[in-house]
Amino acid sequence: MIKIESVKWLSRIAIILSILLLIFGIYLITKDAEILEGIVYIFLAFSISIDHWIKLFKNKK
């Protein structure tokens, strides 16, 4: 029971982290004109939790 709760908790943390990394990447591109670094943060946000996003939207149906 504890393992399932901790997995759900870690999944939520990964989704929040991916949103924050995406926003930070967009911020870097728009404000600092660091295009390469911004793209790296956006790719990192995508790669961290793509599986969690798929599971989240698959469960909503």
C-alpha atoms as a PDB file:
ATOM      1  CA  MET A   1       0.000   0.000   0.000  1.00  0.00           C
ATOM      2  CA  ILE A   2       2.804   2.398   0.812  1.00  0.00           C
ATOM      3  CA  LYS A   3       4.576   1.644  -2.470  1.00  0.00           C
ATOM      4  CA  ILE A   4       1.506   2.534  -4.540  1.00  0.00           C
ATOM      5  CA  GLU A   5       1.054   5.827  -2.697  1.00  0.00           C
ATOM      6  CA  SER A   6       4.705   6.745  -3.154  1.00  0.00           C
ATOM      7  CA  VAL A   7       4.546   5.923  -6.873  1.00  0.00           C
ATOM      8  CA  LYS A   8       1.523   8.196  -7.312  1.00  0.00           C
ATOM      9  CA  TRP A   9       3.316  10.902  -5.348  1.00  0.00           C
ATOM     10  CA  LEU A  10       6.456  10.607  -7.474  1.00  0.00           C
ATOM     11  CA  SER A  11       4.359  10.702 -10.632  1.00  0.00           C
ATOM     12  CA  ARG A  12       2.763  13.974  -9.555  1.00  0.00           C
ATOM     13  CA  ILE A  13       6.162  15.437  -8.675  1.00  0.00           C
ATOM     14  CA  ALA A  14       7.515  14.468 -12.109  1.00  0.00           C
ATOM     15  CA  ILE A  15       4.580  16.163 -13.843  1.00  0.00           C
ATOM     16  CA  ILE A  16       5.027  19.342 -11.789  1.00  0.00           C
ATOM     17  CA  LEU A  17       8.762  19.309 -12.490  1.00  0.00           C
ATOM     18  CA  SER A  18       8.158  18.938 -16.215  1.00  0.00           C
ATOM     19  CA  ILE A  19       5.756  21.894 -16.219  1.00  0.00           C
ATOM     20  CA  LEU A  20       8.274  24.035 -14.340  1.00  0.00           C
ATOM     21  CA  LEU A  21      11.109  23.064 -16.687  1.00  0.00           C
ATOM     22  CA  LEU A  22       8.938  23.850 -19.699  1.00  0.00           C
ATOM     23  CA  ILE A  23       8.058  27.280 -18.328  1.00  0.00           C
ATOM     24  CA  PHE A  24      11.696  27.973 -17.463  1.00  0.00           C
ATOM     25  CA  GLY A  25      12.784  26.940 -20.956  1.00  0.00           C
ATOM     26  CA  ILE A  26      10.244  29.288 -22.524  1.00  0.00           C
ATOM     27  CA  TYR A  27      11.400  32.043 -20.169  1.00  0.00           C
ATOM     28  CA  LEU A  28      15.023  31.558 -21.206  1.00  0.00           C
ATOM     29  CA  ILE A  29      14.121  31.728 -24.880  1.00  0.00           C
ATOM     30  CA  THR A  30      11.966  34.844 -24.577  1.00  0.00           C
ATOM     31  CA  LYS A  31      13.797  36.929 -21.968  1.00  0.00           C
ATOM     32  CA  ASP A  32      17.462  35.941 -22.194  1.00  0.00           C
ATOM     33  CA  ALA A  33      17.564  34.918 -25.874  1.00  0.00           C
ATOM     34  CA  GLU A  34      19.339  31.700 -24.904  1.00  0.00           C
ATOM     35  CA  ILE A  35      17.687  29.545 -27.531  1.00  0.00           C
ATOM     36  CA  LEU A  36      19.859  26.452 -27.178  1.00  0.00           C
ATOM     37  CA  GLU A  37      19.658  26.365 -23.393  1.00  0.00           C
ATOM     38  CA  GLY A  38      15.895  26.938 -23.520  1.00  0.00           C
ATOM     39  CA  ILE A  39      15.450  24.070 -25.962  1.00  0.00           C
ATOM     40  CA  VAL A  40      17.509  21.828 -23.679  1.00  0.00           C
ATOM     41  CA  TYR A  41      15.205  22.618 -20.743  1.00  0.00           C
ATOM     42  CA  ILE A  42      12.106  22.006 -22.861  1.00  0.00           C
ATOM     43  CA  PHE A  43      13.507  18.667 -24.085  1.00  0.00           C
ATOM     44  CA  LEU A  44      14.394  17.739 -20.509  1.00  0.00           C
ATOM     45  CA  ALA A  45      10.845  18.532 -19.394  1.00  0.00           C
ATOM     46  CA  PHE A  46       9.507  16.345 -22.192  1.00  0.00           C
ATOM     47  CA  SER A  47      11.838  13.446 -21.498  1.00  0.00           C
ATOM     48  CA  ILE A  48      11.359  13.389 -17.721  1.00  0.00           C
ATOM     49  CA  SER A  49       7.672  12.662 -17.625  1.00  0.00           C
ATOM     50  CA  ILE A  50       6.274  11.769 -21.039  1.00  0.00           C
ATOM     51  CA  ASP A  51       5.245   8.398 -19.643  1.00  0.00           C
ATOM     52  CA  HIS A  52       3.440  10.056 -16.728  1.00  0.00           C
ATOM     53  CA  TRP A  53       1.555  12.418 -19.074  1.00  0.00           C
ATOM     54  CA  ILE A  54       0.454   9.482 -21.248  1.00  0.00           C
ATOM     55  CA  LYS A  55      -0.803   7.560 -18.211  1.00  0.00           C
ATOM     56  CA  LEU A  56      -2.582  10.640 -16.879  1.00  0.00           C
ATOM     57  CA  PHE A  57      -4.545  11.274 -20.075  1.00  0.00           C
ATOM     58  CA  LYS A  58      -5.174   7.580 -20.727  1.00  0.00           C
ATOM     59  CA  ASN A  59      -6.801   7.202 -17.293  1.00  0.00           C
ATOM     60  CA  LYS A  60      -9.121  10.180 -17.864  1.00  0.00           C
ATOM     61  CA  LYS A  61     -11.030   8.449 -20.695  1.00  0.00           C
END
